[in-house]
Amino acid sequence: MGLFLSTFVNKVDKKGRVSVPATFRASLSSEPFQGFVAFRSHKHDAIECCGYSRMEQLSQSVDSLDMFSQEQDDFTATIFADSLQVPFDGDGRIVLPKKLVDYIGVNGDVAFVGRGATFQIWLPEKFEAHQAESRERIKNAQSTLKLSKSNEGVSP
């Protein structure tokens, strides 16, 4: 599974095509689908994106919920039923599906925002505001992060 780092702002052309950052494409290169999966964020005015392997993990997580529960139904309706496979063209570009373009209101540029195992697509100005708010919350709360133990050297 790839690692998505940094933020890249790229222009969407008149045909709705946009170049996916090379480092993001490299992180997705081992996936069975040459592209990524995208769906509307239920938390932000953004598009959630990940590789097919991550979608399989999400599916397993949703499968662990009680079958036919409201929570399970809500997750399947907002993630899987809404997901679109977005393929790369030969030049590493994608065409953003209309449903996703309309959701975030694409009007020129988009920001590809690394989030570790996933990434998001935002309008650049909206992400800048979100990032500033996030930075302020962390600073005010003096939040810390405990590193998880590495799996290197661990036998199965």
N, C-alpha and C. Protein backbone atom coordinates (compact mmCIF):
# COMPACT_ATOMS: atom_id res chain seq x y z
N MET A 1 0.86 -1.18 0.00
CA MET A 1 0.00 0.00 0.00
C MET A 1 0.89 1.23 0.00
N GLY A 2 0.53 2.20 -0.82
CA GLY A 2 1.35 3.40 -0.99
C GLY A 2 1.24 4.38 0.15
N LEU A 3 2.14 5.34 0.12
CA LEU A 3 2.16 6.42 1.09
C LEU A 3 2.05 7.73 0.32
N PHE A 4 1.08 8.55 0.69
CA PHE A 4 0.83 9.80 -0.02
C PHE A 4 1.24 10.96 0.87
N LEU A 5 2.21 11.74 0.38
CA LEU A 5 2.77 12.84 1.14
C LEU A 5 2.70 14.14 0.35
N SER A 6 2.61 15.24 1.03
CA SER A 6 2.68 16.58 0.47
C SER A 6 1.35 17.03 -0.13
N THR A 7 1.37 18.26 -0.62
CA THR A 7 0.21 18.85 -1.27
C THR A 7 0.68 19.43 -2.61
N PHE A 8 -0.06 19.10 -3.66
CA PHE A 8 0.25 19.56 -5.01
C PHE A 8 -0.98 20.23 -5.59
N VAL A 9 -0.80 21.39 -6.18
CA VAL A 9 -1.91 22.10 -6.84
C VAL A 9 -1.69 21.98 -8.34
N ASN A 10 -2.69 21.42 -9.03
CA ASN A 10 -2.62 21.23 -10.47
C ASN A 10 -3.85 21.81 -11.14
N LYS A 11 -3.65 22.26 -12.37
CA LYS A 11 -4.72 22.90 -13.14
C LYS A 11 -5.58 21.84 -13.84
N VAL A 12 -6.88 22.03 -13.78
CA VAL A 12 -7.83 21.19 -14.51
C VAL A 12 -8.05 21.86 -15.86
N ASP A 13 -7.83 21.11 -16.96
CA ASP A 13 -7.98 21.71 -18.28
C ASP A 13 -9.45 21.79 -18.70
N LYS A 14 -9.69 22.34 -19.89
CA LYS A 14 -11.06 22.56 -20.37
C LYS A 14 -11.82 21.25 -20.56
N LYS A 15 -11.10 20.14 -20.76
CA LYS A 15 -11.75 18.84 -20.94
C LYS A 15 -11.96 18.12 -19.60
N GLY A 16 -11.59 18.78 -18.50
CA GLY A 16 -11.76 18.18 -17.19
C GLY A 16 -10.63 17.27 -16.77
N ARG A 17 -9.51 17.31 -17.50
CA ARG A 17 -8.36 16.46 -17.17
C ARG A 17 -7.42 17.20 -16.23
N VAL A 18 -6.78 16.42 -15.37
CA VAL A 18 -5.80 16.98 -14.45
C VAL A 18 -4.70 15.94 -14.25
N SER A 19 -3.47 16.40 -14.15
CA SER A 19 -2.34 15.51 -13.91
C SER A 19 -2.30 15.12 -12.44
N VAL A 20 -2.15 13.83 -12.21
CA VAL A 20 -2.00 13.32 -10.85
C VAL A 20 -0.51 13.40 -10.51
N PRO A 21 -0.15 13.90 -9.33
CA PRO A 21 1.27 14.02 -8.99
C PRO A 21 2.01 12.69 -9.19
N ALA A 22 3.20 12.77 -9.74
CA ALA A 22 4.00 11.58 -10.05
C ALA A 22 4.22 10.71 -8.82
N THR A 23 4.44 11.33 -7.66
CA THR A 23 4.67 10.53 -6.45
C THR A 23 3.42 9.76 -6.04
N PHE A 24 2.25 10.34 -6.30
CA PHE A 24 1.00 9.65 -6.00
C PHE A 24 0.82 8.47 -6.96
N ARG A 25 1.11 8.70 -8.25
CA ARG A 25 1.00 7.61 -9.23
C ARG A 25 1.96 6.48 -8.87
N ALA A 26 3.17 6.83 -8.42
CA ALA A 26 4.14 5.81 -8.02
C ALA A 26 3.63 5.01 -6.83
N SER A 27 2.98 5.68 -5.89
CA SER A 27 2.43 4.99 -4.72
C SER A 27 1.31 4.03 -5.09
N LEU A 28 0.66 4.29 -6.22
CA LEU A 28 -0.45 3.45 -6.67
C LEU A 28 -0.01 2.40 -7.69
N SER A 29 1.26 2.38 -8.06
CA SER A 29 1.73 1.54 -9.17
C SER A 29 1.58 0.04 -8.92
N SER A 30 1.56 -0.40 -7.68
CA SER A 30 1.44 -1.84 -7.39
C SER A 30 -0.01 -2.29 -7.23
N GLU A 31 -0.94 -1.36 -7.38
CA GLU A 31 -2.35 -1.68 -7.22
C GLU A 31 -2.87 -2.47 -8.43
N PRO A 32 -3.88 -3.31 -8.24
CA PRO A 32 -4.42 -4.08 -9.36
C PRO A 32 -5.13 -3.22 -10.41
N PHE A 33 -5.56 -2.04 -10.04
CA PHE A 33 -6.25 -1.12 -10.93
C PHE A 33 -5.35 0.08 -11.17
N GLN A 34 -5.06 0.42 -12.40
CA GLN A 34 -4.18 1.55 -12.70
C GLN A 34 -4.96 2.86 -12.66
N GLY A 35 -5.10 3.34 -11.47
CA GLY A 35 -5.84 4.55 -11.16
C GLY A 35 -6.11 4.53 -9.67
N PHE A 36 -7.21 5.09 -9.27
CA PHE A 36 -7.57 5.09 -7.85
C PHE A 36 -9.07 5.07 -7.71
N VAL A 37 -9.52 4.89 -6.49
CA VAL A 37 -10.94 4.90 -6.17
C VAL A 37 -11.23 6.23 -5.48
N ALA A 38 -12.34 6.86 -5.84
CA ALA A 38 -12.70 8.16 -5.28
C ALA A 38 -14.17 8.17 -4.87
N PHE A 39 -14.46 8.90 -3.79
CA PHE A 39 -15.83 9.10 -3.36
C PHE A 39 -15.94 10.41 -2.61
N ARG A 40 -17.16 10.93 -2.51
CA ARG A 40 -17.38 12.20 -1.83
C ARG A 40 -17.14 12.03 -0.33
N SER A 41 -16.37 12.95 0.24
CA SER A 41 -16.12 12.92 1.68
C SER A 41 -17.42 13.21 2.41
N HIS A 42 -17.67 12.48 3.50
CA HIS A 42 -18.84 12.79 4.31
C HIS A 42 -18.48 13.73 5.46
N LYS A 43 -17.22 14.19 5.48
CA LYS A 43 -16.79 15.09 6.54
C LYS A 43 -16.38 16.48 6.01
N HIS A 44 -15.84 16.53 4.79
CA HIS A 44 -15.33 17.78 4.23
C HIS A 44 -15.86 18.00 2.82
N ASP A 45 -15.68 19.21 2.32
CA ASP A 45 -15.96 19.49 0.91
C ASP A 45 -14.74 19.05 0.10
N ALA A 46 -14.54 17.75 0.05
CA ALA A 46 -13.36 17.18 -0.59
C ALA A 46 -13.72 15.83 -1.17
N ILE A 47 -12.82 15.31 -1.98
CA ILE A 47 -12.97 13.99 -2.57
C ILE A 47 -11.97 13.07 -1.88
N GLU A 48 -12.44 11.97 -1.33
CA GLU A 48 -11.59 10.97 -0.69
C GLU A 48 -11.05 10.05 -1.79
N CYS A 49 -9.77 9.73 -1.74
CA CYS A 49 -9.14 8.90 -2.77
C CYS A 49 -8.20 7.90 -2.13
N CYS A 50 -8.16 6.70 -2.74
CA CYS A 50 -7.26 5.67 -2.24
C CYS A 50 -7.09 4.59 -3.30
N GLY A 51 -6.15 3.70 -3.03
CA GLY A 51 -5.96 2.57 -3.91
C GLY A 51 -6.98 1.48 -3.63
N TYR A 52 -7.03 0.52 -4.52
CA TYR A 52 -7.98 -0.58 -4.42
C TYR A 52 -7.75 -1.39 -3.13
N SER A 53 -6.49 -1.55 -2.75
CA SER A 53 -6.18 -2.31 -1.53
C SER A 53 -6.78 -1.66 -0.29
N ARG A 54 -6.75 -0.34 -0.25
CA ARG A 54 -7.34 0.37 0.88
C ARG A 54 -8.86 0.19 0.90
N MET A 55 -9.47 0.15 -0.28
CA MET A 55 -10.92 -0.09 -0.35
C MET A 55 -11.25 -1.48 0.18
N GLU A 56 -10.39 -2.44 -0.09
CA GLU A 56 -10.61 -3.78 0.45
C GLU A 56 -10.53 -3.76 1.98
N GLN A 57 -9.60 -2.97 2.53
CA GLN A 57 -9.52 -2.83 3.99
C GLN A 57 -10.78 -2.18 4.54
N LEU A 58 -11.26 -1.15 3.86
CA LEU A 58 -12.50 -0.50 4.29
C LEU A 58 -13.67 -1.48 4.26
N SER A 59 -13.71 -2.30 3.23
CA SER A 59 -14.77 -3.30 3.12
C SER A 59 -14.73 -4.27 4.30
N GLN A 60 -13.54 -4.71 4.67
CA GLN A 60 -13.40 -5.61 5.81
C GLN A 60 -13.84 -4.93 7.10
N SER A 61 -13.52 -3.66 7.24
CA SER A 61 -13.93 -2.92 8.43
C SER A 61 -15.45 -2.79 8.51
N VAL A 62 -16.08 -2.49 7.38
CA VAL A 62 -17.53 -2.38 7.36
C VAL A 62 -18.17 -3.74 7.60
N ASP A 63 -17.55 -4.80 7.08
CA ASP A 63 -18.07 -6.15 7.29
C ASP A 63 -18.03 -6.56 8.77
N SER A 64 -17.16 -5.92 9.56
CA SER A 64 -17.08 -6.26 10.98
C SER A 64 -18.23 -5.64 11.79
N LEU A 65 -18.95 -4.71 11.18
CA LEU A 65 -20.11 -4.11 11.86
C LEU A 65 -21.28 -5.09 11.81
N ASP A 66 -22.23 -4.91 12.69
CA ASP A 66 -23.41 -5.77 12.69
C ASP A 66 -24.13 -5.66 11.36
N MET A 67 -24.39 -6.82 10.76
CA MET A 67 -25.07 -6.84 9.48
C MET A 67 -26.47 -6.24 9.62
N PHE A 68 -26.84 -5.43 8.67
CA PHE A 68 -28.13 -4.75 8.62
C PHE A 68 -28.28 -3.65 9.68
N SER A 69 -27.20 -3.33 10.39
CA SER A 69 -27.28 -2.21 11.33
C SER A 69 -27.32 -0.90 10.55
N GLN A 70 -27.82 0.14 11.20
CA GLN A 70 -27.87 1.45 10.55
C GLN A 70 -26.47 1.94 10.21
N GLU A 71 -25.53 1.72 11.11
CA GLU A 71 -24.16 2.15 10.88
C GLU A 71 -23.56 1.46 9.66
N GLN A 72 -23.77 0.16 9.55
CA GLN A 72 -23.25 -0.59 8.41
C GLN A 72 -23.91 -0.10 7.12
N ASP A 73 -25.21 0.12 7.16
CA ASP A 73 -25.93 0.61 6.00
C ASP A 73 -25.44 2.00 5.59
N ASP A 74 -25.22 2.88 6.57
CA ASP A 74 -24.75 4.24 6.26
C ASP A 74 -23.36 4.22 5.62
N PHE A 75 -22.46 3.41 6.15
CA PHE A 75 -21.12 3.34 5.56
C PHE A 75 -21.14 2.78 4.14
N THR A 76 -21.93 1.73 3.92
CA THR A 76 -21.96 1.18 2.57
C THR A 76 -22.60 2.17 1.59
N ALA A 77 -23.59 2.91 2.04
CA ALA A 77 -24.25 3.89 1.16
C ALA A 77 -23.36 5.08 0.84
N THR A 78 -22.56 5.52 1.83
CA THR A 78 -21.75 6.72 1.62
C THR A 78 -20.35 6.44 1.11
N ILE A 79 -19.89 5.21 1.21
CA ILE A 79 -18.56 4.89 0.69
C ILE A 79 -18.67 4.04 -0.57
N PHE A 80 -19.15 2.83 -0.44
CA PHE A 80 -19.09 1.89 -1.57
C PHE A 80 -20.06 2.22 -2.69
N ALA A 81 -21.27 2.58 -2.36
CA ALA A 81 -22.24 2.92 -3.40
C ALA A 81 -21.86 4.21 -4.12
N ASP A 82 -21.07 5.04 -3.48
CA ASP A 82 -20.68 6.34 -4.03
C ASP A 82 -19.32 6.30 -4.75
N SER A 83 -18.57 5.21 -4.59
CA SER A 83 -17.20 5.13 -5.11
C SER A 83 -17.16 4.98 -6.62
N LEU A 84 -16.15 5.62 -7.18
CA LEU A 84 -15.90 5.55 -8.62
C LEU A 84 -14.45 5.16 -8.85
N GLN A 85 -14.21 4.30 -9.81
CA GLN A 85 -12.84 3.99 -10.21
C GLN A 85 -12.42 5.04 -11.22
N VAL A 86 -11.31 5.70 -10.94
CA VAL A 86 -10.82 6.78 -11.78
C VAL A 86 -9.49 6.33 -12.41
N PRO A 87 -9.51 5.98 -13.70
CA PRO A 87 -8.30 5.46 -14.34
C PRO A 87 -7.34 6.56 -14.80
N PHE A 88 -6.05 6.22 -14.84
CA PHE A 88 -5.04 7.11 -15.41
C PHE A 88 -5.06 6.96 -16.92
N ASP A 89 -4.80 8.05 -17.64
CA ASP A 89 -4.57 7.92 -19.07
C ASP A 89 -3.08 7.68 -19.29
N GLY A 90 -2.64 7.61 -20.51
CA GLY A 90 -1.23 7.32 -20.81
C GLY A 90 -0.27 8.39 -20.35
N ASP A 91 -0.77 9.59 -20.05
CA ASP A 91 0.08 10.69 -19.60
C ASP A 91 -0.01 10.93 -18.10
N GLY A 92 -0.64 10.02 -17.35
CA GLY A 92 -0.75 10.18 -15.90
C GLY A 92 -1.82 11.16 -15.47
N ARG A 93 -2.75 11.42 -16.38
CA ARG A 93 -3.85 12.33 -16.05
C ARG A 93 -5.11 11.52 -15.76
N ILE A 94 -6.06 12.20 -15.18
CA ILE A 94 -7.39 11.63 -14.96
C ILE A 94 -8.42 12.62 -15.46
N VAL A 95 -9.61 12.14 -15.68
CA VAL A 95 -10.76 13.00 -15.90
C VAL A 95 -11.61 12.88 -14.65
N LEU A 96 -11.77 13.98 -13.94
CA LEU A 96 -12.58 13.95 -12.73
C LEU A 96 -14.04 13.74 -13.13
N PRO A 97 -14.70 12.72 -12.57
CA PRO A 97 -16.11 12.49 -12.88
C PRO A 97 -16.98 13.69 -12.47
N LYS A 98 -18.00 13.97 -13.27
CA LYS A 98 -18.87 15.12 -13.07
C LYS A 98 -19.46 15.17 -11.66
N LYS A 99 -19.86 14.02 -11.14
CA LYS A 99 -20.45 13.97 -9.79
C LYS A 99 -19.46 14.53 -8.76
N LEU A 100 -18.17 14.24 -8.93
CA LEU A 100 -17.17 14.71 -7.99
C LEU A 100 -16.82 16.18 -8.23
N VAL A 101 -16.75 16.57 -9.50
CA VAL A 101 -16.50 17.97 -9.86
C VAL A 101 -17.58 18.85 -9.26
N ASP A 102 -18.83 18.43 -9.43
CA ASP A 102 -19.95 19.21 -8.91
C ASP A 102 -19.94 19.27 -7.39
N TYR A 103 -19.53 18.19 -6.74
CA TYR A 103 -19.54 18.13 -5.28
C TYR A 103 -18.61 19.17 -4.66
N ILE A 104 -17.40 19.31 -5.21
CA ILE A 104 -16.47 20.27 -4.61
C ILE A 104 -16.44 21.60 -5.35
N GLY A 105 -17.10 21.67 -6.51
CA GLY A 105 -17.18 22.94 -7.24
C GLY A 105 -15.90 23.30 -7.96
N VAL A 106 -15.29 22.35 -8.65
CA VAL A 106 -14.03 22.60 -9.36
C VAL A 106 -14.23 23.74 -10.36
N ASN A 107 -13.28 24.69 -10.31
CA ASN A 107 -13.37 25.85 -11.21
C ASN A 107 -12.03 26.23 -11.81
N GLY A 108 -11.04 25.38 -11.73
CA GLY A 108 -9.74 25.71 -12.31
C GLY A 108 -8.63 24.83 -11.78
N ASP A 109 -8.27 25.02 -10.52
CA ASP A 109 -7.19 24.24 -9.91
C ASP A 109 -7.77 23.32 -8.84
N VAL A 110 -7.06 22.22 -8.61
CA VAL A 110 -7.38 21.34 -7.49
C VAL A 110 -6.10 21.04 -6.73
N ALA A 111 -6.24 20.75 -5.45
CA ALA A 111 -5.11 20.38 -4.60
C ALA A 111 -5.20 18.89 -4.30
N PHE A 112 -4.12 18.17 -4.59
CA PHE A 112 -3.98 16.77 -4.20
C PHE A 112 -3.28 16.79 -2.85
N VAL A 113 -3.96 16.29 -1.83
CA VAL A 113 -3.50 16.42 -0.45
C VAL A 113 -3.18 15.04 0.11
N GLY A 114 -1.89 14.79 0.37
CA GLY A 114 -1.48 13.52 0.95
C GLY A 114 -1.96 13.37 2.37
N ARG A 115 -2.43 12.16 2.69
CA ARG A 115 -2.93 11.87 4.04
C ARG A 115 -2.40 10.53 4.54
N GLY A 116 -1.18 10.20 4.14
CA GLY A 116 -0.61 8.92 4.55
C GLY A 116 -1.07 7.81 3.62
N ALA A 117 -1.95 6.94 4.08
CA ALA A 117 -2.42 5.81 3.28
C ALA A 117 -3.48 6.21 2.26
N THR A 118 -3.96 7.45 2.32
CA THR A 118 -4.98 7.94 1.39
C THR A 118 -4.61 9.35 0.96
N PHE A 119 -5.39 9.90 0.03
CA PHE A 119 -5.24 11.30 -0.30
C PHE A 119 -6.61 11.89 -0.59
N GLN A 120 -6.66 13.21 -0.63
CA GLN A 120 -7.91 13.91 -0.90
C GLN A 120 -7.67 14.90 -2.03
N ILE A 121 -8.76 15.27 -2.69
CA ILE A 121 -8.73 16.34 -3.68
C ILE A 121 -9.63 17.45 -3.18
N TRP A 122 -9.09 18.66 -3.09
CA TRP A 122 -9.77 19.83 -2.56
C TRP A 122 -9.67 20.98 -3.55
N LEU A 123 -10.50 21.98 -3.36
CA LEU A 123 -10.22 23.28 -3.95
C LEU A 123 -9.09 23.87 -3.11
N PRO A 124 -8.05 24.41 -3.74
CA PRO A 124 -6.87 24.85 -2.97
C PRO A 124 -7.18 25.82 -1.84
N GLU A 125 -8.04 26.79 -2.07
CA GLU A 125 -8.33 27.79 -1.03
C GLU A 125 -9.08 27.17 0.14
N LYS A 126 -9.93 26.20 -0.13
CA LYS A 126 -10.65 25.54 0.97
C LYS A 126 -9.70 24.68 1.79
N PHE A 127 -8.75 24.03 1.13
CA PHE A 127 -7.81 23.23 1.90
C PHE A 127 -6.90 24.12 2.74
N GLU A 128 -6.45 25.24 2.19
CA GLU A 128 -5.60 26.15 2.98
C GLU A 128 -6.30 26.57 4.26
N ALA A 129 -7.58 26.90 4.17
CA ALA A 129 -8.34 27.30 5.36
C ALA A 129 -8.47 26.13 6.33
N HIS A 130 -8.77 24.93 5.79
CA HIS A 130 -8.90 23.74 6.64
C HIS A 130 -7.57 23.43 7.34
N GLN A 131 -6.47 23.51 6.60
CA GLN A 131 -5.16 23.22 7.17
C GLN A 131 -4.81 24.21 8.28
N ALA A 132 -5.11 25.48 8.06
CA ALA A 132 -4.84 26.49 9.09
C ALA A 132 -5.66 26.22 10.36
N GLU A 133 -6.93 25.85 10.18
CA GLU A 133 -7.77 25.52 11.34
C GLU A 133 -7.24 24.29 12.07
N SER A 134 -6.83 23.28 11.32
CA SER A 134 -6.29 22.06 11.93
C SER A 134 -5.01 22.36 12.71
N ARG A 135 -4.14 23.15 12.10
CA ARG A 135 -2.89 23.52 12.76
C ARG A 135 -3.16 24.28 14.06
N GLU A 136 -4.14 25.17 14.04
CA GLU A 136 -4.50 25.95 15.22
C GLU A 136 -5.07 25.06 16.33
N ARG A 137 -5.94 24.11 15.96
CA ARG A 137 -6.51 23.19 16.96
C ARG A 137 -5.41 22.37 17.62
N ILE A 138 -4.48 21.86 16.82
CA ILE A 138 -3.39 21.05 17.37
C ILE A 138 -2.51 21.89 18.30
N LYS A 139 -2.22 23.10 17.85
CA LYS A 139 -1.38 24.00 18.65
C LYS A 139 -2.06 24.33 19.98
N ASN A 140 -3.34 24.71 19.92
CA ASN A 140 -4.07 25.09 21.13
C ASN A 140 -4.24 23.91 22.09
N ALA A 141 -4.46 22.73 21.57
CA ALA A 141 -4.64 21.56 22.42
C ALA A 141 -3.30 20.95 22.84
N GLN A 142 -2.21 21.44 22.26
CA GLN A 142 -0.88 20.88 22.48
C GLN A 142 -0.90 19.37 22.27
N SER A 143 -1.54 18.99 21.18
CA SER A 143 -1.69 17.57 20.86
C SER A 143 -0.35 16.91 20.60
N THR A 144 -0.28 15.66 20.98
CA THR A 144 0.91 14.85 20.70
C THR A 144 0.46 13.60 19.98
N LEU A 145 1.40 12.91 19.42
CA LEU A 145 1.10 11.70 18.66
C LEU A 145 2.07 10.61 19.09
N LYS A 146 1.52 9.50 19.52
CA LYS A 146 2.34 8.37 19.93
C LYS A 146 2.63 7.51 18.70
N LEU A 147 3.90 7.26 18.43
CA LEU A 147 4.26 6.44 17.28
C LEU A 147 3.88 4.99 17.52
N SER A 148 3.29 4.39 16.49
CA SER A 148 2.97 2.97 16.59
C SER A 148 4.24 2.16 16.40
N LYS A 149 4.24 0.94 16.87
CA LYS A 149 5.40 0.08 16.74
C LYS A 149 5.55 -0.34 15.30
N SER A 150 6.76 -0.35 14.83
CA SER A 150 7.05 -0.74 13.45
C SER A 150 6.89 -2.26 13.31
N ASN A 151 6.45 -2.69 12.14
CA ASN A 151 6.32 -4.12 11.85
C ASN A 151 7.60 -4.71 11.28
N GLU A 152 8.64 -3.89 11.11
CA GLU A 152 9.89 -4.39 10.55
C GLU A 152 10.54 -5.37 11.53
N GLY A 153 11.01 -6.45 10.97
CA GLY A 153 11.69 -7.45 11.78
C GLY A 153 10.78 -8.36 12.55
N VAL A 154 9.48 -8.20 12.40
CA VAL A 154 8.52 -9.03 13.12
C VAL A 154 8.12 -10.18 12.23
N SER A 155 8.24 -11.39 12.74
CA SER A 155 7.85 -12.57 11.97
C SER A 155 6.35 -12.80 12.08
N PRO A 156 5.72 -13.29 10.98
CA PRO A 156 4.29 -13.56 11.06
C PRO A 156 3.95 -14.70 11.98
